[in-house]
Amino acid sequence: MSASAGSVMIGGPLGAPSPVPGIPDVVAVVHVHNEGVKSSPSVMGACAIGPGNSAGSASGARPDAWRLGQWRDSWTPAEHAAAVSAVRAAIGRGDVYQVNVVGHASAPYTGDPGPALSRVATLPGARYGGVLRGDGWAVATASPETLVEVRGGRIITRPIKGTRPATGRGRRELLASAKERAEHVMIVDLERNDLARLGVGPVRVDELFAVRRWCGLWQAESVVSAPIERPVGLAALLRALCPGGSVTGAPKLAALEQIAGLEPVGRGVSMGALGWVGTDHIDLGLSIRTAAVDGERVHLWAGGGITIDSDPWDEVAEAAAKAAPLRAALAGTAAL
């Protein structure tokens, strides 16, 4: 599910158009299991490929060696920094408390993108690593973040906020940063409120500000959950949790208005949801750390949460650090 689909579902704005309009906003792959017969997917618009498996080429790609061209960013570093400053001004006016600002980059390619997308999907720290492909497009995710999981009678979300280099010093800085902790707790409170609106049972924070590693970065993660003490449908669940608080901000609808006004290129398949809906569980990752290809270009997105204490140039550097492992994987160089 795309970021725009999540926004529309709760009455938010569409924002800028997707740079990959050929990818549907909602894709479902139905797996049919027959007794005594090897299960096979009944496809609705796409084919699913599990973690570690190779993706086939997107339609329009030539079957020769993969070659990646020069990246083109949706905004300059100065324009990105100006967007951060605009959010800080909105916070100062009391319009919002936090807004996640995301940039987009794309590059031309030739050849089969399948192996490059598989490299993205197997980046270290990817809880949701996999590839989804359809007619003329493919998506690879290496997301570490759980948007929503339903298992064992509980609804669980694991928001991630706060980033530092994966060094000893970086870990100490992350744990000691009042700015990162305030940004993180703000989103944890938002997720608590999202779950509470479902009215399924008392919400609790099972873990707060735990440090996890994704590629060459430390990131802070919390676990928020609620028991399912009354029936709740999938549509209600998605409306409560989508789009994810960590990629929007607080209050969510006000943050989406800021995002729509600031980001020059749409989020498309990034910052949405990708995962599994089963008969006995749901497990949807937030599609951060995500790349997409159409017949001509490869696309990726990266950003970060902005608070009143954010330094614009630090935010520019953080977004670049998040994008770097995806760019390296796509280019076939060593992941960071």
C-alpha atoms as a PDB file:
ATOM      1  CA  MET A   1       0.000   0.000   0.000  1.00  0.00           C
ATOM      2  CA  SER A   2       1.341   3.418  -0.953  1.00  0.00           C
ATOM      3  CA  ALA A   3       1.829   6.406   1.323  1.00  0.00           C
ATOM      4  CA  SER A   4      -0.911   8.281  -0.563  1.00  0.00           C
ATOM      5  CA  ALA A   5      -3.382   5.435  -0.031  1.00  0.00           C
ATOM      6  CA  GLY A   6      -2.729   5.583   3.695  1.00  0.00           C
ATOM      7  CA  SER A   7      -3.235   9.345   3.752  1.00  0.00           C
ATOM      8  CA  VAL A   8      -6.479   9.249   1.766  1.00  0.00           C
ATOM      9  CA  MET A   9      -7.786   6.455   3.993  1.00  0.00           C
ATOM     10  CA  ILE A  10      -7.786   8.810   7.002  1.00  0.00           C
ATOM     11  CA  GLY A  11      -8.926  11.922   5.138  1.00  0.00           C
ATOM     12  CA  GLY A  12      -5.478  13.413   4.535  1.00  0.00           C
ATOM     13  CA  PRO A  13      -4.130  15.114   1.396  1.00  0.00           C
ATOM     14  CA  LEU A  14      -2.694  13.322  -1.628  1.00  0.00           C
ATOM     15  CA  GLY A  15       0.543  15.286  -1.815  1.00  0.00           C
ATOM     16  CA  ALA A  16       2.755  15.453  -4.898  1.00  0.00           C
ATOM     17  CA  PRO A  17       2.319  12.817  -7.638  1.00  0.00           C
ATOM     18  CA  SER A  18       4.271   9.572  -7.369  1.00  0.00           C
ATOM     19  CA  PRO A  19       7.429   9.437  -9.510  1.00  0.00           C
ATOM     20  CA  VAL A  20       6.509   5.822 -10.305  1.00  0.00           C
ATOM     21  CA  PRO A  21       2.860   6.159 -11.404  1.00  0.00           C
ATOM     22  CA  GLY A  22       2.805   2.695 -12.964  1.00  0.00           C
ATOM     23  CA  ILE A  23       2.869   1.051  -9.526  1.00  0.00           C
ATOM     24  CA  PRO A  24      -0.664   0.638  -8.111  1.00  0.00           C
ATOM     25  CA  ASP A  25      -1.478   2.260  -4.768  1.00  0.00           C
ATOM     26  CA  VAL A  26      -2.716  -1.076  -3.433  1.00  0.00           C
ATOM     27  CA  VAL A  27      -1.447  -4.493  -4.541  1.00  0.00           C
ATOM     28  CA  ALA A  28      -2.570  -7.869  -3.216  1.00  0.00           C
ATOM     29  CA  VAL A  29      -1.030 -11.263  -3.901  1.00  0.00           C
ATOM     30  CA  VAL A  30      -3.351 -14.111  -2.918  1.00  0.00           C
ATOM     31  CA  HIS A  31      -1.766 -17.471  -2.059  1.00  0.00           C
ATOM     32  CA  VAL A  32      -4.095 -20.448  -2.436  1.00  0.00           C
ATOM     33  CA  HIS A  33      -3.242 -23.609  -0.480  1.00  0.00           C
ATOM     34  CA  ASN A  34      -4.739 -26.883  -1.659  1.00  0.00           C
ATOM     35  CA  GLU A  35      -4.527 -30.109   0.305  1.00  0.00           C
ATOM     36  CA  GLY A  36      -1.797 -32.321  -1.129  1.00  0.00           C
ATOM     37  CA  VAL A  37      -0.853 -29.786  -3.797  1.00  0.00           C
ATOM     38  CA  LYS A  38       2.132 -27.481  -3.684  1.00  0.00           C
ATOM     39  CA  SER A  39       0.819 -23.983  -2.938  1.00  0.00           C
ATOM     40  CA  SER A  40       0.924 -21.448  -5.699  1.00  0.00           C
ATOM     41  CA  PRO A  41       0.113 -17.742  -5.762  1.00  0.00           C
ATOM     42  CA  SER A  42      -3.079 -16.566  -7.387  1.00  0.00           C
ATOM     43  CA  VAL A  43      -1.814 -13.252  -8.649  1.00  0.00           C
ATOM     44  CA  MET A  44      -3.703  -9.973  -8.406  1.00  0.00           C
ATOM     45  CA  GLY A  45      -1.511  -7.403 -10.128  1.00  0.00           C
ATOM     46  CA  ALA A  46       1.887  -8.589  -8.960  1.00  0.00           C
ATOM     47  CA  CYS A  47       4.136 -11.468  -7.987  1.00  0.00           C
ATOM     48  CA  ALA A  48       5.585 -11.739  -4.503  1.00  0.00           C
ATOM     49  CA  ILE A  49       9.153 -12.853  -3.951  1.00  0.00           C
ATOM     50  CA  GLY A  50      10.362 -13.767  -0.484  1.00  0.00           C
ATOM     51  CA  PRO A  51      13.494 -12.513   1.249  1.00  0.00           C
ATOM     52  CA  GLY A  52      16.704 -13.587  -0.430  1.00  0.00           C
ATOM     53  CA  ASN A  53      15.098 -14.695  -3.679  1.00  0.00           C
ATOM     54  CA  SER A  54      16.005 -13.146  -7.010  1.00  0.00           C
ATOM     55  CA  ALA A  55      13.630 -10.743  -8.718  1.00  0.00           C
ATOM     56  CA  GLY A  56      13.020 -10.953 -12.423  1.00  0.00           C
ATOM     57  CA  SER A  57      13.515  -7.960 -14.646  1.00  0.00           C
ATOM     58  CA  ALA A  58      10.868  -5.266 -14.833  1.00  0.00           C
ATOM     59  CA  SER A  59       9.133  -4.979 -18.153  1.00  0.00           C
ATOM     60  CA  GLY A  60      11.151  -2.773 -20.499  1.00  0.00           C
ATOM     61  CA  ALA A  61      14.535  -3.757 -19.055  1.00  0.00           C
ATOM     62  CA  ARG A  62      17.036  -5.236 -21.473  1.00  0.00           C
ATOM     63  CA  PRO A  63      18.333  -8.722 -20.526  1.00  0.00           C
ATOM     64  CA  ASP A  64      21.960  -7.575 -20.436  1.00  0.00           C
ATOM     65  CA  ALA A  65      24.242  -6.591 -17.568  1.00  0.00           C
ATOM     66  CA  TRP A  66      22.891  -4.157 -14.993  1.00  0.00           C
ATOM     67  CA  ARG A  67      24.223  -0.639 -15.363  1.00  0.00           C
ATOM     68  CA  LEU A  68      23.215   2.215 -13.064  1.00  0.00           C
ATOM     69  CA  GLY A  69      23.439   5.840 -14.194  1.00  0.00           C
ATOM     70  CA  GLN A  70      23.921   9.048 -12.224  1.00  0.00           C
ATOM     71  CA  TRP A  71      21.560   9.862  -9.381  1.00  0.00           C
ATOM     72  CA  ARG A  72      19.307  12.922  -9.614  1.00  0.00           C
ATOM     73  CA  ASP A  73      17.858  14.261  -6.349  1.00  0.00           C
ATOM     74  CA  SER A  74      14.399  15.788  -6.055  1.00  0.00           C
ATOM     75  CA  TRP A  75      15.866  18.743  -4.204  1.00  0.00           C
ATOM     76  CA  THR A  76      19.266  20.227  -3.506  1.00  0.00           C
ATOM     77  CA  PRO A  77      20.766  20.006  -0.005  1.00  0.00           C
ATOM     78  CA  ALA A  78      19.932  23.693   0.434  1.00  0.00           C
ATOM     79  CA  GLU A  79      16.293  23.090  -0.559  1.00  0.00           C
ATOM     80  CA  HIS A  80      16.113  20.142   1.834  1.00  0.00           C
ATOM     81  CA  ALA A  81      17.535  22.298   4.637  1.00  0.00           C
ATOM     82  CA  ALA A  82      14.990  25.023   3.802  1.00  0.00           C
ATOM     83  CA  ALA A  83      12.156  22.481   4.127  1.00  0.00           C
ATOM     84  CA  VAL A  84      13.463  21.558   7.577  1.00  0.00           C
ATOM     85  CA  SER A  85      13.505  25.241   8.523  1.00  0.00           C
ATOM     86  CA  ALA A  86       9.926  25.603   7.260  1.00  0.00           C
ATOM     87  CA  VAL A  87       8.832  22.750   9.510  1.00  0.00           C
ATOM     88  CA  ARG A  88      10.597  24.321  12.489  1.00  0.00           C
ATOM     89  CA  ALA A  89       8.706  27.547  11.749  1.00  0.00           C
ATOM     90  CA  ALA A  90       5.414  25.619  11.636  1.00  0.00           C
ATOM     91  CA  ILE A  91       6.257  24.045  14.981  1.00  0.00           C
ATOM     92  CA  GLY A  92       7.044  27.493  16.368  1.00  0.00           C
ATOM     93  CA  ARG A  93       3.581  28.685  15.251  1.00  0.00           C
ATOM     94  CA  GLY A  94       1.965  25.708  16.991  1.00  0.00           C
ATOM     95  CA  ASP A  95       0.724  24.102  13.766  1.00  0.00           C
ATOM     96  CA  VAL A  96       2.497  20.789  14.449  1.00  0.00           C
ATOM     97  CA  TYR A  97       4.828  19.171  16.955  1.00  0.00           C
ATOM     98  CA  GLN A  98       6.856  17.041  14.538  1.00  0.00           C
ATOM     99  CA  VAL A  99       6.935  16.392  10.779  1.00  0.00           C
ATOM    100  CA  ASN A 100       8.800  13.706   8.845  1.00  0.00           C
ATOM    101  CA  VAL A 101      10.381  15.224   5.731  1.00  0.00           C
ATOM    102  CA  VAL A 102      11.336  12.858   2.893  1.00  0.00           C
ATOM    103  CA  GLY A 103      13.382  13.385  -0.250  1.00  0.00           C
ATOM    104  CA  HIS A 104      13.460  11.357  -3.456  1.00  0.00           C
ATOM    105  CA  ALA A 105      16.258  10.433  -5.856  1.00  0.00           C
ATOM    106  CA  SER A 106      16.257   8.514  -9.127  1.00  0.00           C
ATOM    107  CA  ALA A 107      18.790   7.210 -11.623  1.00  0.00           C
ATOM    108  CA  PRO A 108      18.545   5.718 -15.118  1.00  0.00           C
ATOM    109  CA  TYR A 109      19.473   2.069 -15.599  1.00  0.00           C
ATOM    110  CA  THR A 110      19.864  -0.560 -18.240  1.00  0.00           C
ATOM    111  CA  GLY A 111      19.805  -4.331 -17.899  1.00  0.00           C
ATOM    112  CA  ASP A 112      18.111  -6.672 -15.439  1.00  0.00           C
ATOM    113  CA  PRO A 113      17.380  -4.955 -12.085  1.00  0.00           C
ATOM    114  CA  GLY A 114      16.606  -8.256 -10.342  1.00  0.00           C
ATOM    115  CA  PRO A 115      20.012  -8.952  -8.729  1.00  0.00           C
ATOM    116  CA  ALA A 116      20.361  -5.323  -7.626  1.00  0.00           C
ATOM    117  CA  LEU A 117      16.924  -5.388  -5.983  1.00  0.00           C
ATOM    118  CA  SER A 118      17.795  -8.659  -4.265  1.00  0.00           C
ATOM    119  CA  ARG A 119      20.894  -6.987  -2.812  1.00  0.00           C
ATOM    120  CA  VAL A 120      18.664  -4.275  -1.364  1.00  0.00           C
ATOM    121  CA  ALA A 121      16.284  -6.857   0.127  1.00  0.00           C
ATOM    122  CA  THR A 122      19.121  -8.649   1.934  1.00  0.00           C
ATOM    123  CA  LEU A 123      20.740  -5.611   3.552  1.00  0.00           C
ATOM    124  CA  PRO A 124      21.646  -6.385   7.186  1.00  0.00           C
ATOM    125  CA  GLY A 125      19.025  -5.407   9.734  1.00  0.00           C
ATOM    126  CA  ALA A 126      16.068  -5.749   7.344  1.00  0.00           C
ATOM    127  CA  ARG A 127      13.159  -7.210   9.284  1.00  0.00           C
ATOM    128  CA  TYR A 128      11.065  -6.915   6.122  1.00  0.00           C
ATOM    129  CA  GLY A 129      13.407  -7.808   3.294  1.00  0.00           C
ATOM    130  CA  GLY A 130      11.825  -8.799   0.020  1.00  0.00           C
ATOM    131  CA  VAL A 131      10.844  -7.907  -3.519  1.00  0.00           C
ATOM    132  CA  LEU A 132       7.409  -7.344  -5.060  1.00  0.00           C
ATOM    133  CA  ARG A 133       7.076  -7.107  -8.836  1.00  0.00           C
ATOM    134  CA  GLY A 134       4.419  -6.507 -11.421  1.00  0.00           C
ATOM    135  CA  ASP A 135       4.004  -5.614 -15.068  1.00  0.00           C
ATOM    136  CA  GLY A 136       6.711  -3.049 -15.777  1.00  0.00           C
ATOM    137  CA  TRP A 137       7.714  -2.369 -12.176  1.00  0.00           C
ATOM    138  CA  ALA A 138       9.321  -3.857  -9.078  1.00  0.00           C
ATOM    139  CA  VAL A 139       9.777  -2.808  -5.450  1.00  0.00           C
ATOM    140  CA  ALA A 140      12.507  -3.906  -3.032  1.00  0.00           C
ATOM    141  CA  THR A 141      12.425  -3.179   0.673  1.00  0.00           C
ATOM    142  CA  ALA A 142      14.956  -3.591   3.463  1.00  0.00           C
ATOM    143  CA  SER A 143      12.754  -2.114   6.146  1.00  0.00           C
ATOM    144  CA  PRO A 144      13.604  -2.657   9.824  1.00  0.00           C
ATOM    145  CA  GLU A 145      10.327  -1.155  11.073  1.00  0.00           C
ATOM    146  CA  THR A 146       7.035  -2.854  11.961  1.00  0.00           C
ATOM    147  CA  LEU A 147       3.978  -0.825  11.080  1.00  0.00           C
ATOM    148  CA  VAL A 148       1.569  -3.366  12.559  1.00  0.00           C
ATOM    149  CA  GLU A 149       1.750  -6.991  13.616  1.00  0.00           C
ATOM    150  CA  VAL A 150      -1.144  -9.043  14.927  1.00  0.00           C
ATOM    151  CA  ARG A 151      -0.051 -12.206  16.649  1.00  0.00           C
ATOM    152  CA  GLY A 152      -0.858 -14.106  19.823  1.00  0.00           C
ATOM    153  CA  GLY A 153      -3.938 -11.999  20.544  1.00  0.00           C
ATOM    154  CA  ARG A 154      -2.080  -8.663  20.488  1.00  0.00           C
ATOM    155  CA  ILE A 155      -1.683  -5.745  18.083  1.00  0.00           C
ATOM    156  CA  ILE A 156       1.942  -4.595  17.983  1.00  0.00           C
ATOM    157  CA  THR A 157       3.718  -1.642  16.398  1.00  0.00           C
ATOM    158  CA  ARG A 158       7.440  -0.885  16.600  1.00  0.00           C
ATOM    159  CA  PRO A 159       8.144   2.776  15.786  1.00  0.00           C
ATOM    160  CA  ILE A 160      11.729   3.767  14.941  1.00  0.00           C
ATOM    161  CA  LYS A 161      13.031   7.288  15.542  1.00  0.00           C
ATOM    162  CA  GLY A 162      16.581   8.418  16.234  1.00  0.00           C
ATOM    163  CA  THR A 163      19.677   7.667  14.162  1.00  0.00           C
ATOM    164  CA  ARG A 164      23.442   7.711  14.642  1.00  0.00           C
ATOM    165  CA  PRO A 165      26.430   5.986  12.970  1.00  0.00           C
ATOM    166  CA  ALA A 166      26.892   2.385  14.182  1.00  0.00           C
ATOM    167  CA  THR A 167      29.997   3.093  16.225  1.00  0.00           C
ATOM    168  CA  GLY A 168      30.623   3.084  19.952  1.00  0.00           C
ATOM    169  CA  ARG A 169      30.528   6.856  19.967  1.00  0.00           C
ATOM    170  CA  GLY A 170      27.380   6.897  17.849  1.00  0.00           C
ATOM    171  CA  ARG A 171      25.583   4.607  20.290  1.00  0.00           C
ATOM    172  CA  ARG A 172      26.556   6.775  23.253  1.00  0.00           C
ATOM    173  CA  GLU A 173      25.429   9.909  21.418  1.00  0.00           C
ATOM    174  CA  LEU A 174      22.077   8.387  20.522  1.00  0.00           C
ATOM    175  CA  LEU A 175      21.386   7.262  24.079  1.00  0.00           C
ATOM    176  CA  ALA A 176      22.421  10.653  25.474  1.00  0.00           C
ATOM    177  CA  SER A 177      20.600  12.854  22.942  1.00  0.00           C
ATOM    178  CA  ALA A 178      17.694  14.754  24.510  1.00  0.00           C
ATOM    179  CA  LYS A 179      16.567  15.821  21.013  1.00  0.00           C
ATOM    180  CA  GLU A 180      16.444  12.253  19.660  1.00  0.00           C
ATOM    181  CA  ARG A 181      14.669  10.959  22.756  1.00  0.00           C
ATOM    182  CA  ALA A 182      12.065  13.738  22.643  1.00  0.00           C
ATOM    183  CA  GLU A 183      11.464  13.068  18.923  1.00  0.00           C
ATOM    184  CA  HIS A 184      11.124   9.356  19.639  1.00  0.00           C
ATOM    185  CA  VAL A 185       8.784   9.667  22.628  1.00  0.00           C
ATOM    186  CA  MET A 186       6.541  12.000  20.649  1.00  0.00           C
ATOM    187  CA  ILE A 187       5.985   9.278  18.056  1.00  0.00           C
ATOM    188  CA  VAL A 188       5.549   6.578  20.700  1.00  0.00           C
ATOM    189  CA  ASP A 189       2.762   8.704  22.210  1.00  0.00           C
ATOM    190  CA  LEU A 190       1.211   9.072  18.754  1.00  0.00           C
ATOM    191  CA  GLU A 191       1.267   5.296  18.247  1.00  0.00           C
ATOM    192  CA  ARG A 192      -0.227   4.757  21.697  1.00  0.00           C
ATOM    193  CA  ASN A 193      -3.060   7.072  20.716  1.00  0.00           C
ATOM    194  CA  ASP A 194      -3.532   5.285  17.368  1.00  0.00           C
ATOM    195  CA  LEU A 195      -3.913   1.942  19.126  1.00  0.00           C
ATOM    196  CA  ALA A 196      -6.127   3.402  21.853  1.00  0.00           C
ATOM    197  CA  ARG A 197      -8.595   4.671  19.257  1.00  0.00           C
ATOM    198  CA  LEU A 198      -9.270   1.061  18.266  1.00  0.00           C
ATOM    199  CA  GLY A 199     -10.661   0.433  21.752  1.00  0.00           C
ATOM    200  CA  VAL A 200      -9.461  -3.151  21.781  1.00  0.00           C
ATOM    201  CA  GLY A 201      -7.826  -3.101  25.212  1.00  0.00           C
ATOM    202  CA  PRO A 202      -5.293  -1.268  27.371  1.00  0.00           C
ATOM    203  CA  VAL A 203      -2.249  -0.016  25.457  1.00  0.00           C
ATOM    204  CA  ARG A 204       1.201  -0.517  26.898  1.00  0.00           C
ATOM    205  CA  VAL A 205       4.780   0.350  25.952  1.00  0.00           C
ATOM    206  CA  ASP A 206       6.622  -2.967  26.144  1.00  0.00           C
ATOM    207  CA  GLU A 207      10.031  -1.494  25.322  1.00  0.00           C
ATOM    208  CA  LEU A 208      11.179   2.116  25.062  1.00  0.00           C
ATOM    209  CA  PHE A 209      14.132   3.521  23.097  1.00  0.00           C
ATOM    210  CA  ALA A 210      15.969   0.266  22.491  1.00  0.00           C
ATOM    211  CA  VAL A 211      18.978   0.633  20.187  1.00  0.00           C
ATOM    212  CA  ARG A 212      18.991  -1.607  17.094  1.00  0.00           C
ATOM    213  CA  ARG A 213      21.373  -1.771  14.151  1.00  0.00           C
ATOM    214  CA  TRP A 214      20.445  -1.346  10.487  1.00  0.00           C
ATOM    215  CA  CYS A 215      23.453  -1.511   8.127  1.00  0.00           C
ATOM    216  CA  GLY A 216      25.930   1.098   9.378  1.00  0.00           C
ATOM    217  CA  LEU A 217      23.437   2.930  11.594  1.00  0.00           C
ATOM    218  CA  TRP A 218      22.125   2.694  15.126  1.00  0.00           C
ATOM    219  CA  GLN A 219      18.407   3.399  15.385  1.00  0.00           C
ATOM    220  CA  ALA A 220      16.103   3.711  18.399  1.00  0.00           C
ATOM    221  CA  GLU A 221      13.044   1.444  18.448  1.00  0.00           C
ATOM    222  CA  SER A 222      10.142   1.048  20.844  1.00  0.00           C
ATOM    223  CA  VAL A 223       7.456  -1.626  21.079  1.00  0.00           C
ATOM    224  CA  VAL A 224       3.840  -0.571  21.671  1.00  0.00           C
ATOM    225  CA  SER A 225       1.024  -3.100  21.925  1.00  0.00           C
ATOM    226  CA  ALA A 226      -2.578  -3.716  22.951  1.00  0.00           C
ATOM    227  CA  PRO A 227      -4.568  -6.921  23.564  1.00  0.00           C
ATOM    228  CA  ILE A 228      -7.458  -7.766  21.232  1.00  0.00           C
ATOM    229  CA  GLU A 229     -10.323  -7.903  23.701  1.00  0.00           C
ATOM    230  CA  ARG A 230     -13.044  -7.255  21.127  1.00  0.00           C
ATOM    231  CA  PRO A 231     -13.347  -7.953  17.388  1.00  0.00           C
ATOM    232  CA  VAL A 232     -11.558  -5.540  15.061  1.00  0.00           C
ATOM    233  CA  GLY A 233     -11.534  -5.643  11.260  1.00  0.00           C
ATOM    234  CA  LEU A 234      -8.571  -5.206   8.931  1.00  0.00           C
ATOM    235  CA  ALA A 235      -9.939  -1.935   7.523  1.00  0.00           C
ATOM    236  CA  ALA A 236     -10.288  -0.407  10.994  1.00  0.00           C
ATOM    237  CA  LEU A 237      -6.811  -1.589  11.903  1.00  0.00           C
ATOM    238  CA  LEU A 238      -5.250   0.002   8.817  1.00  0.00           C
ATOM    239  CA  ARG A 239      -7.132   3.266   9.302  1.00  0.00           C
ATOM    240  CA  ALA A 240      -5.835   3.474  12.854  1.00  0.00           C
ATOM    241  CA  LEU A 241      -2.178   2.793  12.033  1.00  0.00           C
ATOM    242  CA  CYS A 242      -1.773   4.129   8.456  1.00  0.00           C
ATOM    243  CA  PRO A 243       0.089   6.066   7.404  1.00  0.00           C
ATOM    244  CA  GLY A 244       2.744   5.277  10.007  1.00  0.00           C
ATOM    245  CA  GLY A 245       3.320   7.896  12.674  1.00  0.00           C
ATOM    246  CA  SER A 246       7.089   7.744  12.382  1.00  0.00           C
ATOM    247  CA  VAL A 247       6.939   8.810   8.705  1.00  0.00           C
ATOM    248  CA  THR A 248       4.251  11.465   9.161  1.00  0.00           C
ATOM    249  CA  GLY A 249       4.432  13.316  12.471  1.00  0.00           C
ATOM    250  CA  ALA A 250       2.191  14.739  15.140  1.00  0.00           C
ATOM    251  CA  PRO A 251      -0.630  15.555  14.962  1.00  0.00           C
ATOM    252  CA  LYS A 252      -0.833  13.177  12.012  1.00  0.00           C
ATOM    253  CA  LEU A 253      -3.282  15.051   9.754  1.00  0.00           C
ATOM    254  CA  ALA A 254      -1.579  18.392  10.355  1.00  0.00           C
ATOM    255  CA  ALA A 255       1.793  16.787   9.603  1.00  0.00           C
ATOM    256  CA  LEU A 256       0.407  15.348   6.345  1.00  0.00           C
ATOM    257  CA  GLU A 257      -0.654  18.854   5.300  1.00  0.00           C
ATOM    258  CA  GLN A 258       2.897  20.088   5.876  1.00  0.00           C
ATOM    259  CA  ILE A 259       4.326  17.148   3.918  1.00  0.00           C
ATOM    260  CA  ALA A 260       1.992  17.786   0.976  1.00  0.00           C
ATOM    261  CA  GLY A 261       3.078  21.409   0.846  1.00  0.00           C
ATOM    262  CA  LEU A 262       6.818  20.826   1.189  1.00  0.00           C
ATOM    263  CA  GLU A 263       7.842  17.660  -0.667  1.00  0.00           C
ATOM    264  CA  PRO A 264       8.233  18.273  -4.423  1.00  0.00           C
ATOM    265  CA  VAL A 265       8.029  14.583  -5.375  1.00  0.00           C
ATOM    266  CA  GLY A 266       5.523  12.057  -4.083  1.00  0.00           C
ATOM    267  CA  ARG A 267       6.445   9.209  -1.774  1.00  0.00           C
ATOM    268  CA  GLY A 268       4.880   6.574  -3.997  1.00  0.00           C
ATOM    269  CA  VAL A 269       5.474   3.083  -2.638  1.00  0.00           C
ATOM    270  CA  SER A 270       7.793   4.310   0.099  1.00  0.00           C
ATOM    271  CA  MET A 271       6.531   5.226   3.590  1.00  0.00           C
ATOM    272  CA  GLY A 272       3.548   2.926   3.041  1.00  0.00           C
ATOM    273  CA  ALA A 273       3.045  -0.712   4.040  1.00  0.00           C
ATOM    274  CA  LEU A 274       4.332  -4.003   2.680  1.00  0.00           C
ATOM    275  CA  GLY A 275       4.045  -7.450   4.223  1.00  0.00           C
ATOM    276  CA  TRP A 276       1.707 -10.354   4.892  1.00  0.00           C
ATOM    277  CA  VAL A 277      -1.930 -10.841   5.857  1.00  0.00           C
ATOM    278  CA  GLY A 278      -2.618 -14.423   6.902  1.00  0.00           C
ATOM    279  CA  THR A 279      -5.487 -16.339   8.418  1.00  0.00           C
ATOM    280  CA  ASP A 280      -3.764 -16.378  11.803  1.00  0.00           C
ATOM    281  CA  HIS A 281      -1.566 -13.285  11.747  1.00  0.00           C
ATOM    282  CA  ILE A 282      -0.834  -9.913  10.126  1.00  0.00           C
ATOM    283  CA  ASP A 283       2.690  -8.587   9.710  1.00  0.00           C
ATOM    284  CA  LEU A 284       3.125  -5.343   7.765  1.00  0.00           C
ATOM    285  CA  GLY A 285       6.398  -3.480   7.574  1.00  0.00           C
ATOM    286  CA  LEU A 286       6.620   0.250   7.093  1.00  0.00           C
ATOM    287  CA  SER A 287       8.161   0.625   3.639  1.00  0.00           C
ATOM    288  CA  ILE A 288      11.128   2.765   4.595  1.00  0.00           C
ATOM    289  CA  ARG A 289      14.543   1.806   3.109  1.00  0.00           C
ATOM    290  CA  THR A 290      12.711   1.027  -0.118  1.00  0.00           C
ATOM    291  CA  ALA A 291      13.668   1.191  -3.797  1.00  0.00           C
ATOM    292  CA  ALA A 292      11.445   0.910  -6.867  1.00  0.00           C
ATOM    293  CA  VAL A 293      12.095   0.464 -10.570  1.00  0.00           C
ATOM    294  CA  ASP A 294      10.034   1.118 -13.655  1.00  0.00           C
ATOM    295  CA  GLY A 295      11.161   0.382 -17.190  1.00  0.00           C
ATOM    296  CA  GLU A 296      13.671   3.252 -17.219  1.00  0.00           C
ATOM    297  CA  ARG A 297      14.684   4.473 -13.757  1.00  0.00           C
ATOM    298  CA  VAL A 298      15.328   3.283 -10.206  1.00  0.00           C
ATOM    299  CA  HIS A 299      13.867   5.358  -7.375  1.00  0.00           C
ATOM    300  CA  LEU A 300      14.523   5.634  -3.646  1.00  0.00           C
ATOM    301  CA  TRP A 301      13.434   7.830  -0.744  1.00  0.00           C
ATOM    302  CA  ALA A 302      14.964   8.896   2.583  1.00  0.00           C
ATOM    303  CA  GLY A 303      14.247  11.466   5.246  1.00  0.00           C
ATOM    304  CA  GLY A 304      13.795  12.022   8.952  1.00  0.00           C
ATOM    305  CA  GLY A 305      11.638  13.474  11.703  1.00  0.00           C
ATOM    306  CA  ILE A 306      11.898  17.208  12.328  1.00  0.00           C
ATOM    307  CA  THR A 307      11.373  18.813  15.738  1.00  0.00           C
ATOM    308  CA  ILE A 308      11.943  22.341  16.966  1.00  0.00           C
ATOM    309  CA  ASP A 309      15.509  21.361  17.955  1.00  0.00           C
ATOM    310  CA  SER A 310      16.444  19.899  14.561  1.00  0.00           C
ATOM    311  CA  ASP A 311      19.492  21.308  12.804  1.00  0.00           C
ATOM    312  CA  PRO A 312      18.683  21.570   9.071  1.00  0.00           C
ATOM    313  CA  TRP A 313      22.104  20.441   7.865  1.00  0.00           C
ATOM    314  CA  ASP A 314      22.219  17.563  10.342  1.00  0.00           C
ATOM    315  CA  GLU A 315      18.884  16.394   8.912  1.00  0.00           C
ATOM    316  CA  VAL A 316      20.258  16.575   5.366  1.00  0.00           C
ATOM    317  CA  ALA A 317      23.223  14.436   6.443  1.00  0.00           C
ATOM    318  CA  GLU A 318      20.981  11.921   8.235  1.00  0.00           C
ATOM    319  CA  ALA A 319      18.823  11.390   5.142  1.00  0.00           C
ATOM    320  CA  ALA A 320      21.949  10.835   3.048  1.00  0.00           C
ATOM    321  CA  ALA A 321      23.231   8.292   5.585  1.00  0.00           C
ATOM    322  CA  LYS A 322      19.964   6.341   5.369  1.00  0.00           C
ATOM    323  CA  ALA A 323      20.026   6.316   1.571  1.00  0.00           C
ATOM    324  CA  ALA A 324      23.710   5.366   1.269  1.00  0.00           C
ATOM    325  CA  PRO A 325      23.347   1.585   1.890  1.00  0.00           C
ATOM    326  CA  LEU A 326      20.552   1.361  -0.706  1.00  0.00           C
ATOM    327  CA  ARG A 327      22.622   3.239  -3.269  1.00  0.00           C
ATOM    328  CA  ALA A 328      25.605   0.991  -2.543  1.00  0.00           C
ATOM    329  CA  ALA A 329      23.501  -2.170  -2.856  1.00  0.00           C
ATOM    330  CA  LEU A 330      22.002  -1.013  -6.139  1.00  0.00           C
ATOM    331  CA  ALA A 331      25.433  -0.124  -7.514  1.00  0.00           C
ATOM    332  CA  GLY A 332      26.883  -3.457  -6.423  1.00  0.00           C
ATOM    333  CA  THR A 333      29.458  -1.910  -4.103  1.00  0.00           C
ATOM    334  CA  ALA A 334      29.988  -2.896  -0.478  1.00  0.00           C
ATOM    335  CA  ALA A 335      27.004  -2.005   1.738  1.00  0.00           C
ATOM    336  CA  LEU A 336      27.735   0.430   4.546  1.00  0.00           C
END
